[in-house]
């Protein structure tokens, strides 16, 4: 869980969503979506590697 929080903070570049411009918020959302896809892929790979 700590790792997820750190990744989220990196995607947001240390800013809170309330203090971001629309472009920054959109960029952070796309980064979070990419991170979620990567996590999902890692989980699937772990299942097959067993």
C-alpha atoms as a PDB file:
ATOM      1  CA  UNK A   1       0.000   0.000   0.000  1.00  0.00           C
ATOM      2  CA  UNK A   2       2.857   2.357   0.741  1.00  0.00           C
ATOM      3  CA  UNK A   3       4.231   1.684  -2.710  1.00  0.00           C
ATOM      4  CA  UNK A   4       0.901   2.566  -4.310  1.00  0.00           C
ATOM      5  CA  UNK A   5       0.807   5.879  -2.453  1.00  0.00           C
ATOM      6  CA  UNK A   6       4.304   6.735  -3.616  1.00  0.00           C
ATOM      7  CA  UNK A   7       3.444   5.923  -7.217  1.00  0.00           C
ATOM      8  CA  UNK A   8       0.311   8.027  -7.005  1.00  0.00           C
ATOM      9  CA  UNK A   9       2.276  10.937  -5.566  1.00  0.00           C
ATOM     10  CA  UNK A  10       4.811  10.631  -8.400  1.00  0.00           C
ATOM     11  CA  UNK A  11       2.006  10.626 -10.983  1.00  0.00           C
ATOM     12  CA  UNK A  12       0.573  13.759  -9.379  1.00  0.00           C
ATOM     13  CA  UNK A  13       4.088  15.259  -9.183  1.00  0.00           C
ATOM     14  CA  UNK A  14       3.591  15.996  -5.492  1.00  0.00           C
ATOM     15  CA  UNK A  15       0.564  18.240  -6.039  1.00  0.00           C
ATOM     16  CA  UNK A  16      -2.944  17.844  -4.729  1.00  0.00           C
ATOM     17  CA  UNK A  17      -5.655  17.508  -7.360  1.00  0.00           C
ATOM     18  CA  UNK A  18      -7.359  20.678  -6.099  1.00  0.00           C
ATOM     19  CA  UNK A  19      -4.224  22.704  -6.877  1.00  0.00           C
ATOM     20  CA  UNK A  20      -3.683  21.330 -10.396  1.00  0.00           C
ATOM     21  CA  UNK A  21      -4.623  22.916 -13.679  1.00  0.00           C
ATOM     22  CA  UNK A  22      -6.870  20.985 -16.049  1.00  0.00           C
ATOM     23  CA  UNK A  23      -3.923  19.860 -18.186  1.00  0.00           C
ATOM     24  CA  UNK A  24      -1.958  18.667 -15.151  1.00  0.00           C
ATOM     25  CA  UNK A  25      -4.969  16.758 -13.849  1.00  0.00           C
ATOM     26  CA  UNK A  26      -5.481  15.089 -17.219  1.00  0.00           C
ATOM     27  CA  UNK A  27      -1.806  14.095 -17.356  1.00  0.00           C
ATOM     28  CA  UNK A  28      -1.960  12.663 -13.829  1.00  0.00           C
ATOM     29  CA  UNK A  29      -5.083  10.671 -14.681  1.00  0.00           C
ATOM     30  CA  UNK A  30      -3.462   9.143 -17.756  1.00  0.00           C
ATOM     31  CA  UNK A  31      -0.362   8.278 -15.707  1.00  0.00           C
ATOM     32  CA  UNK A  32      -2.552   6.596 -13.078  1.00  0.00           C
ATOM     33  CA  UNK A  33      -4.337   4.595 -15.785  1.00  0.00           C
ATOM     34  CA  UNK A  34      -1.001   3.416 -17.181  1.00  0.00           C
ATOM     35  CA  UNK A  35       0.112   2.414 -13.690  1.00  0.00           C
ATOM     36  CA  UNK A  36      -3.112   0.464 -13.123  1.00  0.00           C
ATOM     37  CA  UNK A  37      -2.593  -1.437 -16.392  1.00  0.00           C
ATOM     38  CA  UNK A  38       0.979  -2.251 -15.403  1.00  0.00           C
ATOM     39  CA  UNK A  39      -0.146  -3.522 -11.973  1.00  0.00           C
ATOM     40  CA  UNK A  40      -2.820  -5.668 -13.592  1.00  0.00           C
ATOM     41  CA  UNK A  41      -0.255  -7.133 -15.984  1.00  0.00           C
ATOM     42  CA  UNK A  42       2.103  -7.884 -13.104  1.00  0.00           C
ATOM     43  CA  UNK A  43      -0.656  -9.715 -11.221  1.00  0.00           C
ATOM     44  CA  UNK A  44      -1.467 -11.812 -14.300  1.00  0.00           C
ATOM     45  CA  UNK A  45       2.208 -12.648 -14.860  1.00  0.00           C
ATOM     46  CA  UNK A  46       2.560 -13.704 -11.215  1.00  0.00           C
ATOM     47  CA  UNK A  47      -0.261 -16.193 -11.705  1.00  0.00           C
ATOM     48  CA  UNK A  48       1.405 -17.750 -14.739  1.00  0.00           C
ATOM     49  CA  UNK A  49       4.872 -17.845 -13.170  1.00  0.00           C
ATOM     50  CA  UNK A  50       3.758 -20.080 -10.290  1.00  0.00           C
END
